[in-house]
Amino acid sequence: FLFHNQFIKPGPPKPTKSTGPGCHQPCPDV
């Protein structure tokens, strides 16, 4: 829970290429 709660702070989104709904493709930076 400690690990999880530390990740709820939003950061600036990095430019990524959307793979669309239901994707099973690589995501550049999840």
Full PDB file with SEQRES, HELIX, SHEET, SSBOND, CRYST1, ORIGX, SCALE, CONECT and MASTER records, all heavy atoms in Angstrom:
SEQRES   1 A   30  PHE LEU PHE HIS ASN GLN PHE ILE LYS PRO GLY PRO PRO          
SEQRES   2 A   30  LYS PRO THR LYS SER THR GLY PRO GLY CYS HIS GLN PRO          
SEQRES   3 A   30  CYS PRO ASP VAL                                              
HELIX    1 AA1 LEU A    2  ASN A    5  1                                   4    
CRYST1    1.000    1.000    1.000  90.00  90.00  90.00 P 1           1          
ORIGX1      1.000000  0.000000  0.000000        0.00000                         
ORIGX2      0.000000  1.000000  0.000000        0.00000                         
ORIGX3      0.000000  0.000000  1.000000        0.00000                         
SCALE1      1.000000  0.000000  0.000000        0.00000                         
SCALE2      0.000000  1.000000  0.000000        0.00000                         
SCALE3      0.000000  0.000000  1.000000        0.00000                         
ATOM      1  N   PHE A   1       0.819  -1.200   0.000  1.00  0.00           N  
ATOM      2  CA  PHE A   1       0.000   0.000   0.000  1.00  0.00           C  
ATOM      3  C   PHE A   1       0.857   1.255   0.000  1.00  0.00           C  
ATOM      4  O   PHE A   1       0.502   2.253  -0.604  1.00  0.00           O  
ATOM      5  CB  PHE A   1      -0.935  -0.014   1.211  1.00  0.00           C  
ATOM      6  CG  PHE A   1      -1.959  -1.115   1.139  1.00  0.00           C  
ATOM      7  CD1 PHE A   1      -1.882  -2.197   1.987  1.00  0.00           C  
ATOM      8  CD2 PHE A   1      -2.971  -1.075   0.205  1.00  0.00           C  
ATOM      9  CE1 PHE A   1      -2.819  -3.209   1.902  1.00  0.00           C  
ATOM     10  CE2 PHE A   1      -3.908  -2.086   0.117  1.00  0.00           C  
ATOM     11  CZ  PHE A   1      -3.816  -3.159   0.975  1.00  0.00           C  
ATOM     12  N   LEU A   2       2.002   1.205   0.694  1.00  0.00           N  
ATOM     13  CA  LEU A   2       2.901   2.348   0.700  1.00  0.00           C  
ATOM     14  C   LEU A   2       3.394   2.619  -0.708  1.00  0.00           C  
ATOM     15  O   LEU A   2       3.419   3.747  -1.176  1.00  0.00           O  
ATOM     16  CB  LEU A   2       4.074   2.077   1.643  1.00  0.00           C  
ATOM     17  CG  LEU A   2       5.074   3.212   1.845  1.00  0.00           C  
ATOM     18  CD1 LEU A   2       4.370   4.415   2.458  1.00  0.00           C  
ATOM     19  CD2 LEU A   2       6.206   2.761   2.750  1.00  0.00           C  
ATOM     20  N   PHE A   3       3.789   1.564  -1.389  1.00  0.00           N  
ATOM     21  CA  PHE A   3       4.276   1.699  -2.760  1.00  0.00           C  
ATOM     22  C   PHE A   3       3.176   2.237  -3.659  1.00  0.00           C  
ATOM     23  O   PHE A   3       3.388   3.152  -4.442  1.00  0.00           O  
ATOM     24  CB  PHE A   3       4.736   0.332  -3.259  1.00  0.00           C  
ATOM     25  CG  PHE A   3       5.199   0.332  -4.696  1.00  0.00           C  
ATOM     26  CD1 PHE A   3       6.473   0.757  -5.006  1.00  0.00           C  
ATOM     27  CD2 PHE A   3       4.364  -0.082  -5.719  1.00  0.00           C  
ATOM     28  CE1 PHE A   3       6.906   0.759  -6.319  1.00  0.00           C  
ATOM     29  CE2 PHE A   3       4.794  -0.079  -7.026  1.00  0.00           C  
ATOM     30  CZ  PHE A   3       6.064   0.342  -7.321  1.00  0.00           C  
ATOM     31  N   HIS A   4       1.983   1.688  -3.491  1.00  0.00           N  
ATOM     32  CA  HIS A   4       0.871   2.098  -4.353  1.00  0.00           C  
ATOM     33  C   HIS A   4       0.504   3.553  -4.135  1.00  0.00           C  
ATOM     34  O   HIS A   4       0.338   4.317  -5.076  1.00  0.00           O  
ATOM     35  CB  HIS A   4      -0.339   1.206  -4.063  1.00  0.00           C  
ATOM     36  CG  HIS A   4      -1.573   1.621  -4.792  1.00  0.00           C  
ATOM     37  ND1 HIS A   4      -2.558   2.351  -4.190  1.00  0.00           N  
ATOM     38  CD2 HIS A   4      -1.967   1.432  -6.075  1.00  0.00           C  
ATOM     39  CE1 HIS A   4      -3.536   2.584  -5.056  1.00  0.00           C  
ATOM     40  NE2 HIS A   4      -3.198   2.037  -6.195  1.00  0.00           N  
ATOM     41  N   ASN A   5       0.377   3.965  -2.870  1.00  0.00           N  
ATOM     42  CA  ASN A   5      -0.086   5.317  -2.588  1.00  0.00           C  
ATOM     43  C   ASN A   5       0.901   6.386  -3.012  1.00  0.00           C  
ATOM     44  O   ASN A   5       0.524   7.520  -3.265  1.00  0.00           O  
ATOM     45  CB  ASN A   5      -0.376   5.463  -1.091  1.00  0.00           C  
ATOM     46  CG  ASN A   5      -1.593   4.669  -0.678  1.00  0.00           C  
ATOM     47  OD1 ASN A   5      -2.449   4.401  -1.503  1.00  0.00           O  
ATOM     48  ND2 ASN A   5      -1.664   4.262   0.569  1.00  0.00           N  
ATOM     49  N   GLN A   6       2.159   6.038  -3.110  1.00  0.00           N  
ATOM     50  CA  GLN A   6       3.147   7.013  -3.540  1.00  0.00           C  
ATOM     51  C   GLN A   6       3.050   7.291  -5.030  1.00  0.00           C  
ATOM     52  O   GLN A   6       3.652   8.239  -5.517  1.00  0.00           O  
ATOM     53  CB  GLN A   6       4.559   6.519  -3.201  1.00  0.00           C  
ATOM     54  CG  GLN A   6       4.870   6.547  -1.716  1.00  0.00           C  
ATOM     55  CD  GLN A   6       4.866   7.946  -1.146  1.00  0.00           C  
ATOM     56  OE1 GLN A   6       5.369   8.859  -1.772  1.00  0.00           O  
ATOM     57  NE2 GLN A   6       4.286   8.137   0.014  1.00  0.00           N  
ATOM     58  N   PHE A   7       2.315   6.479  -5.746  1.00  0.00           N  
ATOM     59  CA  PHE A   7       2.216   6.664  -7.190  1.00  0.00           C  
ATOM     60  C   PHE A   7       0.930   7.355  -7.611  1.00  0.00           C  
ATOM     61  O   PHE A   7       0.612   7.393  -8.785  1.00  0.00           O  
ATOM     62  CB  PHE A   7       2.327   5.307  -7.906  1.00  0.00           C  
ATOM     63  CG  PHE A   7       3.736   4.887  -8.141  1.00  0.00           C  
ATOM     64  CD1 PHE A   7       4.426   4.202  -7.164  1.00  0.00           C  
ATOM     65  CD2 PHE A   7       4.388   5.209  -9.315  1.00  0.00           C  
ATOM     66  CE1 PHE A   7       5.723   3.816  -7.372  1.00  0.00           C  
ATOM     67  CE2 PHE A   7       5.688   4.825  -9.523  1.00  0.00           C  
ATOM     68  CZ  PHE A   7       6.370   4.121  -8.545  1.00  0.00           C  
ATOM     69  N   ILE A   8       0.200   7.937  -6.661  1.00  0.00           N  
ATOM     70  CA  ILE A   8      -1.057   8.570  -7.053  1.00  0.00           C  
ATOM     71  C   ILE A   8      -0.874  10.046  -7.356  1.00  0.00           C  
ATOM     72  O   ILE A   8      -1.830  10.745  -7.629  1.00  0.00           O  
ATOM     73  CB  ILE A   8      -2.154   8.392  -5.981  1.00  0.00           C  
ATOM     74  CG1 ILE A   8      -1.776   9.120  -4.672  1.00  0.00           C  
ATOM     75  CG2 ILE A   8      -2.413   6.939  -5.719  1.00  0.00           C  
ATOM     76  CD1 ILE A   8      -2.898   9.117  -3.649  1.00  0.00           C  
ATOM     77  N   LYS A   9       0.372  10.541  -7.318  1.00  0.00           N  
ATOM     78  CA  LYS A   9       0.610  11.926  -7.672  1.00  0.00           C  
ATOM     79  C   LYS A   9       0.803  12.038  -9.182  1.00  0.00           C  
ATOM     80  O   LYS A   9       1.655  11.372  -9.743  1.00  0.00           O  
ATOM     81  CB  LYS A   9       1.850  12.450  -6.953  1.00  0.00           C  
ATOM     82  CG  LYS A   9       1.704  12.427  -5.431  1.00  0.00           C  
ATOM     83  CD  LYS A   9       2.974  12.885  -4.753  1.00  0.00           C  
ATOM     84  CE  LYS A   9       2.825  12.822  -3.241  1.00  0.00           C  
ATOM     85  NZ  LYS A   9       4.071  13.234  -2.550  1.00  0.00           N  
ATOM     86  N   PRO A  10       0.028  12.864  -9.846  1.00  0.00           N  
ATOM     87  CA  PRO A  10       0.153  12.960 -11.300  1.00  0.00           C  
ATOM     88  C   PRO A  10       1.427  13.671 -11.701  1.00  0.00           C  
ATOM     89  O   PRO A  10       1.907  14.552 -11.003  1.00  0.00           O  
ATOM     90  CB  PRO A  10      -1.080  13.774 -11.704  1.00  0.00           C  
ATOM     91  CG  PRO A  10      -1.366  14.600 -10.492  1.00  0.00           C  
ATOM     92  CD  PRO A  10      -0.992  13.763  -9.309  1.00  0.00           C  
ATOM     93  N   GLY A  11       1.981  13.274 -12.821  1.00  0.00           N  
ATOM     94  CA  GLY A  11       3.150  13.950 -13.355  1.00  0.00           C  
ATOM     95  C   GLY A  11       2.853  14.428 -14.756  1.00  0.00           C  
ATOM     96  O   GLY A  11       1.815  14.103 -15.323  1.00  0.00           O  
ATOM     97  N   PRO A  12       3.739  15.196 -15.342  1.00  0.00           N  
ATOM     98  CA  PRO A  12       3.490  15.693 -16.689  1.00  0.00           C  
ATOM     99  C   PRO A  12       3.473  14.554 -17.688  1.00  0.00           C  
ATOM    100  O   PRO A  12       4.376  13.734 -17.709  1.00  0.00           O  
ATOM    101  CB  PRO A  12       4.690  16.627 -16.940  1.00  0.00           C  
ATOM    102  CG  PRO A  12       5.745  16.117 -16.019  1.00  0.00           C  
ATOM    103  CD  PRO A  12       5.037  15.595 -14.817  1.00  0.00           C  
ATOM    104  N   PRO A  13       2.420  14.417 -18.476  1.00  0.00           N  
ATOM    105  CA  PRO A  13       2.355  13.309 -19.425  1.00  0.00           C  
ATOM    106  C   PRO A  13       3.433  13.421 -20.481  1.00  0.00           C  
ATOM    107  O   PRO A  13       3.674  14.484 -21.030  1.00  0.00           O  
ATOM    108  CB  PRO A  13       0.949  13.443 -20.044  1.00  0.00           C  
ATOM    109  CG  PRO A  13       0.587  14.867 -19.840  1.00  0.00           C  
ATOM    110  CD  PRO A  13       1.259  15.307 -18.580  1.00  0.00           C  
ATOM    111  N   LYS A  14       4.093  12.296 -20.736  1.00  0.00           N  
ATOM    112  CA  LYS A  14       5.094  12.264 -21.795  1.00  0.00           C  
ATOM    113  C   LYS A  14       4.427  11.940 -23.112  1.00  0.00           C  
ATOM    114  O   LYS A  14       3.418  11.228 -23.156  1.00  0.00           O  
ATOM    115  CB  LYS A  14       6.155  11.201 -21.471  1.00  0.00           C  
ATOM    116  CG  LYS A  14       6.940  11.526 -20.215  1.00  0.00           C  
ATOM    117  CD  LYS A  14       8.050  10.523 -20.024  1.00  0.00           C  
ATOM    118  CE  LYS A  14       8.887  10.856 -18.798  1.00  0.00           C  
ATOM    119  NZ  LYS A  14       9.984   9.903 -18.611  1.00  0.00           N  
ATOM    120  N   PRO A  15       4.947  12.431 -24.208  1.00  0.00           N  
ATOM    121  CA  PRO A  15       4.324  12.142 -25.503  1.00  0.00           C  
ATOM    122  C   PRO A  15       4.404  10.665 -25.828  1.00  0.00           C  
ATOM    123  O   PRO A  15       5.479  10.083 -25.820  1.00  0.00           O  
ATOM    124  CB  PRO A  15       5.159  12.974 -26.488  1.00  0.00           C  
ATOM    125  CG  PRO A  15       6.413  13.315 -25.787  1.00  0.00           C  
ATOM    126  CD  PRO A  15       6.116  13.297 -24.327  1.00  0.00           C  
ATOM    127  N   THR A  16       3.270  10.049 -26.040  1.00  0.00           N  
ATOM    128  CA  THR A  16       3.211   8.644 -26.399  1.00  0.00           C  
ATOM    129  C   THR A  16       2.289   8.469 -27.582  1.00  0.00           C  
ATOM    130  O   THR A  16       1.490   9.347 -27.908  1.00  0.00           O  
ATOM    131  CB  THR A  16       2.680   7.785 -25.235  1.00  0.00           C  
ATOM    132  OG1 THR A  16       1.375   8.251 -24.894  1.00  0.00           O  
ATOM    133  CG2 THR A  16       3.580   7.892 -24.008  1.00  0.00           C  
ATOM    134  N   LYS A  17       2.351   7.327 -28.167  1.00  0.00           N  
ATOM    135  CA  LYS A  17       1.503   7.027 -29.315  1.00  0.00           C  
ATOM    136  C   LYS A  17       0.399   6.097 -28.875  1.00  0.00           C  
ATOM    137  O   LYS A  17       0.641   4.984 -28.453  1.00  0.00           O  
ATOM    138  CB  LYS A  17       2.336   6.386 -30.420  1.00  0.00           C  
ATOM    139  CG  LYS A  17       1.566   6.224 -31.725  1.00  0.00           C  
ATOM    140  CD  LYS A  17       2.487   5.715 -32.812  1.00  0.00           C  
ATOM    141  CE  LYS A  17       1.751   5.585 -34.147  1.00  0.00           C  
ATOM    142  NZ  LYS A  17       2.632   5.097 -35.206  1.00  0.00           N  
ATOM    143  N   SER A  18      -0.824   6.570 -28.926  1.00  0.00           N  
ATOM    144  CA  SER A  18      -1.946   5.766 -28.467  1.00  0.00           C  
ATOM    145  C   SER A  18      -2.095   4.518 -29.316  1.00  0.00           C  
ATOM    146  O   SER A  18      -1.918   4.540 -30.522  1.00  0.00           O  
ATOM    147  CB  SER A  18      -3.233   6.593 -28.529  1.00  0.00           C  
ATOM    148  OG  SER A  18      -4.330   5.797 -28.191  1.00  0.00           O  
ATOM    149  N   THR A  19      -2.432   3.420 -28.626  1.00  0.00           N  
ATOM    150  CA  THR A  19      -2.622   2.164 -29.341  1.00  0.00           C  
ATOM    151  C   THR A  19      -4.091   1.800 -29.470  1.00  0.00           C  
ATOM    152  O   THR A  19      -4.422   0.760 -30.002  1.00  0.00           O  
ATOM    153  CB  THR A  19      -1.876   1.035 -28.626  1.00  0.00           C  
ATOM    154  OG1 THR A  19      -2.223   1.072 -27.246  1.00  0.00           O  
ATOM    155  CG2 THR A  19      -0.382   1.203 -28.776  1.00  0.00           C  
ATOM    156  N   GLY A  20      -4.968   2.625 -28.893  1.00  0.00           N  
ATOM    157  CA  GLY A  20      -6.394   2.419 -29.110  1.00  0.00           C  
ATOM    158  C   GLY A  20      -7.028   1.454 -28.138  1.00  0.00           C  
ATOM    159  O   GLY A  20      -6.360   0.720 -27.428  1.00  0.00           O  
ATOM    160  N   PRO A  21      -8.337   1.442 -28.078  1.00  0.00           N  
ATOM    161  CA  PRO A  21      -9.068   0.567 -27.167  1.00  0.00           C  
ATOM    162  C   PRO A  21      -8.786  -0.895 -27.445  1.00  0.00           C  
ATOM    163  O   PRO A  21      -8.634  -1.318 -28.584  1.00  0.00           O  
ATOM    164  CB  PRO A  21     -10.542   0.912 -27.450  1.00  0.00           C  
ATOM    165  CG  PRO A  21     -10.512   2.268 -28.090  1.00  0.00           C  
ATOM    166  CD  PRO A  21      -9.221   2.311 -28.862  1.00  0.00           C  
ATOM    167  N   GLY A  22      -8.698  -1.674 -26.348  1.00  0.00           N  
ATOM    168  CA  GLY A  22      -8.487  -3.105 -26.486  1.00  0.00           C  
ATOM    169  C   GLY A  22      -7.138  -3.452 -27.059  1.00  0.00           C  
ATOM    170  O   GLY A  22      -6.964  -4.506 -27.664  1.00  0.00           O  
ATOM    171  N   CYS A  23      -6.154  -2.558 -26.889  1.00  0.00           N  
ATOM    172  CA  CYS A  23      -4.861  -2.772 -27.533  1.00  0.00           C  
ATOM    173  C   CYS A  23      -4.106  -3.908 -26.885  1.00  0.00           C  
ATOM    174  O   CYS A  23      -4.265  -4.213 -25.720  1.00  0.00           O  
ATOM    175  CB  CYS A  23      -4.018  -1.496 -27.460  1.00  0.00           C  
ATOM    176  SG  CYS A  23      -3.560  -1.044 -25.782  1.00  0.00           S  
ATOM    177  N   HIS A  24      -3.248  -4.531 -27.653  1.00  0.00           N  
ATOM    178  CA  HIS A  24      -2.288  -5.491 -27.152  1.00  0.00           C  
ATOM    179  C   HIS A  24      -0.953  -5.180 -27.804  1.00  0.00           C  
ATOM    180  O   HIS A  24      -0.228  -6.051 -28.244  1.00  0.00           O  
ATOM    181  CB  HIS A  24      -2.725  -6.922 -27.472  1.00  0.00           C  
ATOM    182  CG  HIS A  24      -3.879  -7.364 -26.630  1.00  0.00           C  
ATOM    183  ND1 HIS A  24      -3.732  -7.934 -25.383  1.00  0.00           N  
ATOM    184  CD2 HIS A  24      -5.218  -7.262 -26.832  1.00  0.00           C  
ATOM    185  CE1 HIS A  24      -4.920  -8.200 -24.866  1.00  0.00           C  
ATOM    186  NE2 HIS A  24      -5.832  -7.810 -25.731  1.00  0.00           N  
ATOM    187  N   GLN A  25      -0.659  -3.885 -27.894  1.00  0.00           N  
ATOM    188  CA  GLN A  25       0.543  -3.400 -28.540  1.00  0.00           C  
ATOM    189  C   GLN A  25       1.462  -2.766 -27.500  1.00  0.00           C  
ATOM    190  O   GLN A  25       1.031  -2.392 -26.421  1.00  0.00           O  
ATOM    191  CB  GLN A  25       0.181  -2.357 -29.612  1.00  0.00           C  
ATOM    192  CG  GLN A  25      -0.756  -2.888 -30.677  1.00  0.00           C  
ATOM    193  CD  GLN A  25      -0.148  -4.020 -31.467  1.00  0.00           C  
ATOM    194  OE1 GLN A  25       1.036  -3.987 -31.756  1.00  0.00           O  
ATOM    195  NE2 GLN A  25      -0.947  -5.007 -31.803  1.00  0.00           N  
ATOM    196  N   PRO A  26       2.763  -2.614 -27.815  1.00  0.00           N  
ATOM    197  CA  PRO A  26       3.687  -1.997 -26.874  1.00  0.00           C  
ATOM    198  C   PRO A  26       3.265  -0.574 -26.523  1.00  0.00           C  
ATOM    199  O   PRO A  26       2.781   0.168 -27.356  1.00  0.00           O  
ATOM    200  CB  PRO A  26       5.018  -1.999 -27.637  1.00  0.00           C  
ATOM    201  CG  PRO A  26       4.865  -3.051 -28.674  1.00  0.00           C  
ATOM    202  CD  PRO A  26       3.414  -3.049 -29.044  1.00  0.00           C  
ATOM    203  N   CYS A  27       3.447  -0.189 -25.263  1.00  0.00           N  
ATOM    204  CA  CYS A  27       3.169   1.163 -24.802  1.00  0.00           C  
ATOM    205  C   CYS A  27       4.504   1.809 -24.442  1.00  0.00           C  
ATOM    206  O   CYS A  27       5.201   1.290 -23.584  1.00  0.00           O  
ATOM    207  CB  CYS A  27       2.247   1.140 -23.584  1.00  0.00           C  
ATOM    208  SG  CYS A  27       0.670   0.336 -23.927  1.00  0.00           S  
ATOM    209  N   PRO A  28       4.900   2.897 -25.081  1.00  0.00           N  
ATOM    210  CA  PRO A  28       6.222   3.477 -24.910  1.00  0.00           C  
ATOM    211  C   PRO A  28       6.588   3.789 -23.471  1.00  0.00           C  
ATOM    212  O   PRO A  28       7.693   3.561 -23.052  1.00  0.00           O  
ATOM    213  CB  PRO A  28       6.145   4.768 -25.739  1.00  0.00           C  
ATOM    214  CG  PRO A  28       5.061   4.517 -26.726  1.00  0.00           C  
ATOM    215  CD  PRO A  28       4.075   3.642 -26.020  1.00  0.00           C  
ATOM    216  N   ASP A  29       5.685   4.329 -22.665  1.00  0.00           N  
ATOM    217  CA  ASP A  29       6.021   4.668 -21.298  1.00  0.00           C  
ATOM    218  C   ASP A  29       4.790   4.583 -20.419  1.00  0.00           C  
ATOM    219  O   ASP A  29       4.052   5.531 -20.254  1.00  0.00           O  
ATOM    220  CB  ASP A  29       6.625   6.081 -21.227  1.00  0.00           C  
ATOM    221  CG  ASP A  29       7.341   6.302 -19.899  1.00  0.00           C  
ATOM    222  OD1 ASP A  29       7.087   5.550 -18.948  1.00  0.00           O  
ATOM    223  OD2 ASP A  29       8.144   7.220 -19.840  1.00  0.00           O  
ATOM    224  N   VAL A  30       4.574   3.421 -19.820  1.00  0.00           N  
ATOM    225  CA  VAL A  30       3.357   3.202 -19.058  1.00  0.00           C  
ATOM    226  C   VAL A  30       3.432   3.825 -17.676  1.00  0.00           C  
ATOM    227  O   VAL A  30       2.434   3.898 -16.979  1.00  0.00           O  
ATOM    228  CB  VAL A  30       3.062   1.687 -18.913  1.00  0.00           C  
ATOM    229  CG1 VAL A  30       2.865   1.074 -20.266  1.00  0.00           C  
ATOM    230  CG2 VAL A  30       4.171   0.987 -18.146  1.00  0.00           C  
TER     231      VAL A  30                                                      
MASTER        0    0    0    1    0    0    0    6  230    1    0    3          
END                                                                             
